[in-house]
């Protein structure tokens, strides 16, 4: 199911919609298989009489109860946890019955990094760390699929967001158009290049003057 568009601002688009890595539900799945095998054994090994039937129902009830907490709840937790990256922010949504959420705007993010163990690298998972300005605590999101690619995507979106906000401020002030801003930046780069060449030439001349011995008198 796609992310609901009604929570997005005007012009905001979803770049990536992620759940935690499938590795997080491997253990609950294995537990579920063991519980199913236990049910089969309980039914097969108990006698087919009133006492055996009672034992079977008790065993099945206990195994189902264990499965709810050991299998169903972890799966629902995985399914209801979402990391949504948009062109404006990072949104985190968690919760099965009680929902929690947090939004981190791109303009407040100061650093994005990732870490991977050897197993993470083989499975394509990792931990994504986001540092933000202000009083907001830093966030570490574990079991992010392709965390290295997500980090690169976030850095790219942060740069785009910064350029977009800077251009919007310029346009609001009415100083220059986008084409004029591009020309101004090109002229500034050309001026800096010429200044570097001039300084290099001066250093070269000064070095040659220092190296030339004075004539004997």
C-alpha atoms as a PDB file:
ATOM      1  CA  UNK A   1       0.000   0.000   0.000  1.00  0.00           C
ATOM      2  CA  UNK A   2       1.454   3.337  -1.021  1.00  0.00           C
ATOM      3  CA  UNK A   3       1.970   6.231   1.339  1.00  0.00           C
ATOM      4  CA  UNK A   4      -1.160   8.435   1.616  1.00  0.00           C
ATOM      5  CA  UNK A   5      -0.783  11.552  -0.489  1.00  0.00           C
ATOM      6  CA  UNK A   6      -2.962  13.656   1.835  1.00  0.00           C
ATOM      7  CA  UNK A   7      -0.116  13.984   4.364  1.00  0.00           C
ATOM      8  CA  UNK A   8       2.209  15.553   1.801  1.00  0.00           C
ATOM      9  CA  UNK A   9       2.639  19.269   1.290  1.00  0.00           C
ATOM     10  CA  UNK A  10       2.170  20.954  -2.055  1.00  0.00           C
ATOM     11  CA  UNK A  11       4.995  20.006  -4.386  1.00  0.00           C
ATOM     12  CA  UNK A  12       6.289  17.320  -2.004  1.00  0.00           C
ATOM     13  CA  UNK A  13       6.957  13.913  -3.502  1.00  0.00           C
ATOM     14  CA  UNK A  14       7.839  10.540  -2.000  1.00  0.00           C
ATOM     15  CA  UNK A  15      11.345   9.410  -2.940  1.00  0.00           C
ATOM     16  CA  UNK A  16      11.536   6.186  -0.906  1.00  0.00           C
ATOM     17  CA  UNK A  17       9.012   4.264   1.217  1.00  0.00           C
ATOM     18  CA  UNK A  18      10.726   1.610   3.343  1.00  0.00           C
ATOM     19  CA  UNK A  19       9.975  -1.015   5.955  1.00  0.00           C
ATOM     20  CA  UNK A  20      12.760  -2.451   8.136  1.00  0.00           C
ATOM     21  CA  UNK A  21      14.840  -5.127   6.453  1.00  0.00           C
ATOM     22  CA  UNK A  22      13.215  -8.546   6.079  1.00  0.00           C
ATOM     23  CA  UNK A  23      15.959  -9.900   8.317  1.00  0.00           C
ATOM     24  CA  UNK A  24      14.000  -8.573  11.303  1.00  0.00           C
ATOM     25  CA  UNK A  25      11.214 -11.118  10.732  1.00  0.00           C
ATOM     26  CA  UNK A  26      13.417 -14.143  10.056  1.00  0.00           C
ATOM     27  CA  UNK A  27      13.571 -15.175  13.724  1.00  0.00           C
ATOM     28  CA  UNK A  28       9.782 -14.882  14.268  1.00  0.00           C
ATOM     29  CA  UNK A  29       9.231 -16.908  11.101  1.00  0.00           C
ATOM     30  CA  UNK A  30      11.501 -19.683  12.355  1.00  0.00           C
ATOM     31  CA  UNK A  31       9.696 -19.623  15.699  1.00  0.00           C
ATOM     32  CA  UNK A  32       6.388 -19.947  13.848  1.00  0.00           C
ATOM     33  CA  UNK A  33       7.638 -23.008  11.972  1.00  0.00           C
ATOM     34  CA  UNK A  34       8.764 -24.595  15.240  1.00  0.00           C
ATOM     35  CA  UNK A  35       5.369 -23.936  16.801  1.00  0.00           C
ATOM     36  CA  UNK A  36       3.564 -25.489  13.829  1.00  0.00           C
ATOM     37  CA  UNK A  37       5.789 -28.544  14.133  1.00  0.00           C
ATOM     38  CA  UNK A  38       4.976 -28.661  17.841  1.00  0.00           C
ATOM     39  CA  UNK A  39       1.254 -28.636  17.103  1.00  0.00           C
ATOM     40  CA  UNK A  40       1.662 -31.494  14.633  1.00  0.00           C
ATOM     41  CA  UNK A  41       3.670 -33.528  17.115  1.00  0.00           C
ATOM     42  CA  UNK A  42       1.211 -32.837  19.916  1.00  0.00           C
ATOM     43  CA  UNK A  43      -1.651 -34.081  17.765  1.00  0.00           C
ATOM     44  CA  UNK A  44       0.259 -37.097  16.460  1.00  0.00           C
ATOM     45  CA  UNK A  45       1.735 -38.328  19.721  1.00  0.00           C
ATOM     46  CA  UNK A  46      -1.292 -38.061  21.999  1.00  0.00           C
ATOM     47  CA  UNK A  47      -3.879 -40.863  22.051  1.00  0.00           C
ATOM     48  CA  UNK A  48      -7.141 -40.367  20.231  1.00  0.00           C
ATOM     49  CA  UNK A  49      -9.385 -40.434  23.294  1.00  0.00           C
ATOM     50  CA  UNK A  50     -10.929 -37.926  25.650  1.00  0.00           C
ATOM     51  CA  UNK A  51      -7.713 -37.478  27.621  1.00  0.00           C
ATOM     52  CA  UNK A  52      -5.624 -37.218  24.469  1.00  0.00           C
ATOM     53  CA  UNK A  53      -8.028 -34.722  22.925  1.00  0.00           C
ATOM     54  CA  UNK A  54      -7.848 -32.576  26.049  1.00  0.00           C
ATOM     55  CA  UNK A  55      -4.055 -32.618  25.906  1.00  0.00           C
ATOM     56  CA  UNK A  56      -4.189 -31.725  22.218  1.00  0.00           C
ATOM     57  CA  UNK A  57      -6.464 -28.732  22.791  1.00  0.00           C
ATOM     58  CA  UNK A  58      -4.334 -27.479  25.675  1.00  0.00           C
ATOM     59  CA  UNK A  59      -1.129 -27.876  23.630  1.00  0.00           C
ATOM     60  CA  UNK A  60      -2.632 -26.114  20.619  1.00  0.00           C
ATOM     61  CA  UNK A  61      -4.003 -23.278  22.780  1.00  0.00           C
ATOM     62  CA  UNK A  62      -0.622 -22.751  24.459  1.00  0.00           C
ATOM     63  CA  UNK A  63       1.229 -22.804  21.129  1.00  0.00           C
ATOM     64  CA  UNK A  64      -1.232 -20.359  19.545  1.00  0.00           C
ATOM     65  CA  UNK A  65      -0.839 -18.000  22.510  1.00  0.00           C
ATOM     66  CA  UNK A  66       2.939 -18.156  22.173  1.00  0.00           C
ATOM     67  CA  UNK A  67       2.642 -17.594  18.426  1.00  0.00           C
ATOM     68  CA  UNK A  68       0.649 -14.388  18.939  1.00  0.00           C
ATOM     69  CA  UNK A  69       3.456 -12.774  20.959  1.00  0.00           C
ATOM     70  CA  UNK A  70       6.445 -14.446  19.320  1.00  0.00           C
ATOM     71  CA  UNK A  71       5.322 -14.371  15.676  1.00  0.00           C
ATOM     72  CA  UNK A  72       2.282 -12.194  14.988  1.00  0.00           C
ATOM     73  CA  UNK A  73       3.295  -9.151  17.052  1.00  0.00           C
ATOM     74  CA  UNK A  74       6.853  -8.919  15.596  1.00  0.00           C
ATOM     75  CA  UNK A  75       5.461  -9.285  12.081  1.00  0.00           C
ATOM     76  CA  UNK A  76       2.855  -6.558  12.626  1.00  0.00           C
ATOM     77  CA  UNK A  77       5.513  -4.337  14.214  1.00  0.00           C
ATOM     78  CA  UNK A  78       7.685  -4.807  11.115  1.00  0.00           C
ATOM     79  CA  UNK A  79       4.775  -4.160   8.788  1.00  0.00           C
ATOM     80  CA  UNK A  80       3.583  -1.002  10.565  1.00  0.00           C
ATOM     81  CA  UNK A  81       7.059   0.544  10.814  1.00  0.00           C
ATOM     82  CA  UNK A  82       7.726   2.808   7.849  1.00  0.00           C
ATOM     83  CA  UNK A  83      10.546   5.122   6.898  1.00  0.00           C
ATOM     84  CA  UNK A  84       9.333   7.548   4.246  1.00  0.00           C
ATOM     85  CA  UNK A  85      11.821   9.867   2.548  1.00  0.00           C
ATOM     86  CA  UNK A  86      10.330  12.750   0.607  1.00  0.00           C
ATOM     87  CA  UNK A  87      11.738  15.767  -1.179  1.00  0.00           C
ATOM     88  CA  UNK A  88      11.140  17.825   1.999  1.00  0.00           C
ATOM     89  CA  UNK A  89      11.582  15.547   5.040  1.00  0.00           C
ATOM     90  CA  UNK A  90      12.126  12.143   6.601  1.00  0.00           C
ATOM     91  CA  UNK A  91       8.995  10.656   8.154  1.00  0.00           C
ATOM     92  CA  UNK A  92       8.982   7.779  10.646  1.00  0.00           C
ATOM     93  CA  UNK A  93       5.754   5.968  11.520  1.00  0.00           C
ATOM     94  CA  UNK A  94       5.514   3.172  14.102  1.00  0.00           C
ATOM     95  CA  UNK A  95       2.849   1.338  16.059  1.00  0.00           C
ATOM     96  CA  UNK A  96       0.313  -1.472  15.785  1.00  0.00           C
ATOM     97  CA  UNK A  97      -2.552  -0.089  17.876  1.00  0.00           C
ATOM     98  CA  UNK A  98      -0.965   3.078  19.250  1.00  0.00           C
ATOM     99  CA  UNK A  99       0.675   5.058  16.470  1.00  0.00           C
ATOM    100  CA  UNK A 100       3.747   7.247  16.871  1.00  0.00           C
ATOM    101  CA  UNK A 101       5.417   9.409  14.278  1.00  0.00           C
ATOM    102  CA  UNK A 102       8.236  11.862  13.772  1.00  0.00           C
ATOM    103  CA  UNK A 103       9.144  14.184  10.912  1.00  0.00           C
ATOM    104  CA  UNK A 104      12.668  15.508  10.322  1.00  0.00           C
ATOM    105  CA  UNK A 105      12.825  18.308   7.784  1.00  0.00           C
ATOM    106  CA  UNK A 106      15.774  18.186   5.403  1.00  0.00           C
ATOM    107  CA  UNK A 107      16.774  21.738   6.299  1.00  0.00           C
ATOM    108  CA  UNK A 108      17.495  20.669   9.904  1.00  0.00           C
ATOM    109  CA  UNK A 109      19.634  17.653   9.024  1.00  0.00           C
ATOM    110  CA  UNK A 110      23.319  18.389   9.557  1.00  0.00           C
ATOM    111  CA  UNK A 111      24.822  14.956   8.895  1.00  0.00           C
ATOM    112  CA  UNK A 112      23.781  11.556   7.533  1.00  0.00           C
ATOM    113  CA  UNK A 113      25.911   8.449   7.989  1.00  0.00           C
ATOM    114  CA  UNK A 114      25.501   4.699   7.853  1.00  0.00           C
ATOM    115  CA  UNK A 115      27.201   1.683   9.417  1.00  0.00           C
ATOM    116  CA  UNK A 116      27.207  -1.943   8.331  1.00  0.00           C
ATOM    117  CA  UNK A 117      28.523  -5.134   9.852  1.00  0.00           C
ATOM    118  CA  UNK A 118      29.896  -7.882   7.638  1.00  0.00           C
ATOM    119  CA  UNK A 119      26.520  -9.638   7.809  1.00  0.00           C
ATOM    120  CA  UNK A 120      24.727  -6.388   6.971  1.00  0.00           C
ATOM    121  CA  UNK A 121      26.862  -5.977   3.855  1.00  0.00           C
ATOM    122  CA  UNK A 122      26.005  -9.472   2.665  1.00  0.00           C
ATOM    123  CA  UNK A 123      22.288  -8.994   3.284  1.00  0.00           C
ATOM    124  CA  UNK A 124      22.035  -5.377   2.106  1.00  0.00           C
ATOM    125  CA  UNK A 125      21.102  -3.857   5.448  1.00  0.00           C
ATOM    126  CA  UNK A 126      22.555  -1.338   7.888  1.00  0.00           C
ATOM    127  CA  UNK A 127      22.004   1.398  10.462  1.00  0.00           C
ATOM    128  CA  UNK A 128      21.274   4.928   9.271  1.00  0.00           C
ATOM    129  CA  UNK A 129      22.245   7.790  11.612  1.00  0.00           C
ATOM    130  CA  UNK A 130      20.740  11.252  11.186  1.00  0.00           C
ATOM    131  CA  UNK A 131      22.056  14.270  13.083  1.00  0.00           C
ATOM    132  CA  UNK A 132      19.838  17.334  13.196  1.00  0.00           C
ATOM    133  CA  UNK A 133      20.272  20.915  14.374  1.00  0.00           C
ATOM    134  CA  UNK A 134      18.529  22.429  17.364  1.00  0.00           C
ATOM    135  CA  UNK A 135      17.157  20.541  20.339  1.00  0.00           C
ATOM    136  CA  UNK A 136      16.085  17.504  18.340  1.00  0.00           C
ATOM    137  CA  UNK A 137      17.953  14.339  19.390  1.00  0.00           C
ATOM    138  CA  UNK A 138      19.976  12.427  16.858  1.00  0.00           C
ATOM    139  CA  UNK A 139      18.215   9.432  15.326  1.00  0.00           C
ATOM    140  CA  UNK A 140      19.596   5.962  14.571  1.00  0.00           C
ATOM    141  CA  UNK A 141      17.383   3.766  12.400  1.00  0.00           C
ATOM    142  CA  UNK A 142      18.382   0.118  12.412  1.00  0.00           C
ATOM    143  CA  UNK A 143      17.813  -2.529   9.748  1.00  0.00           C
ATOM    144  CA  UNK A 144      17.445  -0.054   6.882  1.00  0.00           C
ATOM    145  CA  UNK A 145      17.490  -1.806   3.487  1.00  0.00           C
ATOM    146  CA  UNK A 146      20.388  -0.563   1.338  1.00  0.00           C
ATOM    147  CA  UNK A 147      21.415   1.945   3.999  1.00  0.00           C
ATOM    148  CA  UNK A 148      24.391   3.129   1.900  1.00  0.00           C
ATOM    149  CA  UNK A 149      22.135   4.055  -1.015  1.00  0.00           C
ATOM    150  CA  UNK A 150      19.618   5.691   1.296  1.00  0.00           C
ATOM    151  CA  UNK A 151      22.404   7.812   2.772  1.00  0.00           C
ATOM    152  CA  UNK A 152      23.465   8.967  -0.704  1.00  0.00           C
ATOM    153  CA  UNK A 153      19.845   9.730  -1.602  1.00  0.00           C
ATOM    154  CA  UNK A 154      19.369  11.802   1.548  1.00  0.00           C
ATOM    155  CA  UNK A 155      22.532  13.816   0.954  1.00  0.00           C
ATOM    156  CA  UNK A 156      21.387  14.515  -2.602  1.00  0.00           C
ATOM    157  CA  UNK A 157      17.935  15.600  -1.427  1.00  0.00           C
ATOM    158  CA  UNK A 158      19.454  17.835   1.271  1.00  0.00           C
ATOM    159  CA  UNK A 159      21.549  19.622  -1.361  1.00  0.00           C
ATOM    160  CA  UNK A 160      18.526  20.017  -3.608  1.00  0.00           C
ATOM    161  CA  UNK A 161      16.452  21.382  -0.729  1.00  0.00           C
ATOM    162  CA  UNK A 162      19.147  23.902   0.219  1.00  0.00           C
ATOM    163  CA  UNK A 163      19.444  25.125  -3.370  1.00  0.00           C
ATOM    164  CA  UNK A 164      15.679  25.349  -3.697  1.00  0.00           C
ATOM    165  CA  UNK A 165      15.319  27.411  -0.518  1.00  0.00           C
ATOM    166  CA  UNK A 166      18.179  29.711  -1.502  1.00  0.00           C
ATOM    167  CA  UNK A 167      16.660  30.277  -4.929  1.00  0.00           C
ATOM    168  CA  UNK A 168      13.256  30.938  -3.386  1.00  0.00           C
ATOM    169  CA  UNK A 169      14.746  33.598  -1.101  1.00  0.00           C
ATOM    170  CA  UNK A 170      16.449  35.259  -4.038  1.00  0.00           C
ATOM    171  CA  UNK A 171      13.274  35.231  -6.114  1.00  0.00           C
ATOM    172  CA  UNK A 172      11.225  36.658  -3.265  1.00  0.00           C
ATOM    173  CA  UNK A 173      13.704  39.477  -2.803  1.00  0.00           C
ATOM    174  CA  UNK A 174      13.522  40.176  -6.517  1.00  0.00           C
ATOM    175  CA  UNK A 175      17.266  40.514  -6.861  1.00  0.00           C
ATOM    176  CA  UNK A 176      17.816  38.275  -9.847  1.00  0.00           C
ATOM    177  CA  UNK A 177      16.313  35.517 -11.927  1.00  0.00           C
ATOM    178  CA  UNK A 178      17.618  31.981 -12.062  1.00  0.00           C
ATOM    179  CA  UNK A 179      19.502  32.704 -15.278  1.00  0.00           C
ATOM    180  CA  UNK A 180      21.019  35.842 -13.761  1.00  0.00           C
ATOM    181  CA  UNK A 181      22.093  33.867 -10.691  1.00  0.00           C
ATOM    182  CA  UNK A 182      23.790  31.279 -12.934  1.00  0.00           C
ATOM    183  CA  UNK A 183      25.606  34.042 -14.859  1.00  0.00           C
ATOM    184  CA  UNK A 184      26.690  35.697 -11.614  1.00  0.00           C
ATOM    185  CA  UNK A 185      28.093  32.428 -10.265  1.00  0.00           C
ATOM    186  CA  UNK A 186      29.942  31.840 -13.533  1.00  0.00           C
ATOM    187  CA  UNK A 187      31.453  35.321 -13.419  1.00  0.00           C
ATOM    188  CA  UNK A 188      32.449  34.831  -9.784  1.00  0.00           C
ATOM    189  CA  UNK A 189      34.172  31.547 -10.594  1.00  0.00           C
ATOM    190  CA  UNK A 190      35.987  33.207 -13.513  1.00  0.00           C
ATOM    191  CA  UNK A 191      37.108  36.074 -11.296  1.00  0.00           C
ATOM    192  CA  UNK A 192      38.422  33.674  -8.647  1.00  0.00           C
ATOM    193  CA  UNK A 193      40.282  31.718 -11.314  1.00  0.00           C
ATOM    194  CA  UNK A 194      41.929  34.873 -12.648  1.00  0.00           C
ATOM    195  CA  UNK A 195      42.860  35.934  -9.123  1.00  0.00           C
ATOM    196  CA  UNK A 196      44.489  32.569  -8.471  1.00  0.00           C
ATOM    197  CA  UNK A 197      46.502  32.878 -11.694  1.00  0.00           C
ATOM    198  CA  UNK A 198      47.642  36.385 -10.731  1.00  0.00           C
ATOM    199  CA  UNK A 199      48.754  35.277  -7.264  1.00  0.00           C
ATOM    200  CA  UNK A 200      50.576  32.288  -8.751  1.00  0.00           C
ATOM    201  CA  UNK A 201      52.398  34.574 -11.174  1.00  0.00           C
ATOM    202  CA  UNK A 202      53.396  36.924  -8.358  1.00  0.00           C
ATOM    203  CA  UNK A 203      54.739  34.034  -6.274  1.00  0.00           C
ATOM    204  CA  UNK A 204      56.716  32.788  -9.264  1.00  0.00           C
ATOM    205  CA  UNK A 205      58.231  36.212  -9.899  1.00  0.00           C
ATOM    206  CA  UNK A 206      59.126  36.623  -6.215  1.00  0.00           C
ATOM    207  CA  UNK A 207      60.812  33.211  -6.186  1.00  0.00           C
ATOM    208  CA  UNK A 208      62.847  34.017  -9.294  1.00  0.00           C
ATOM    209  CA  UNK A 209      63.950  37.342  -7.817  1.00  0.00           C
ATOM    210  CA  UNK A 210      65.060  35.660  -4.583  1.00  0.00           C
ATOM    211  CA  UNK A 211      66.968  32.960  -6.466  1.00  0.00           C
ATOM    212  CA  UNK A 212      68.918  35.434  -8.707  1.00  0.00           C
ATOM    213  CA  UNK A 213      72.323  36.287  -7.056  1.00  0.00           C
ATOM    214  CA  UNK A 214      73.314  39.913  -6.743  1.00  0.00           C
ATOM    215  CA  UNK A 215      76.238  40.976  -9.009  1.00  0.00           C
ATOM    216  CA  UNK A 216      79.667  41.382  -7.358  1.00  0.00           C
ATOM    217  CA  UNK A 217      80.876  44.887  -6.800  1.00  0.00           C
END
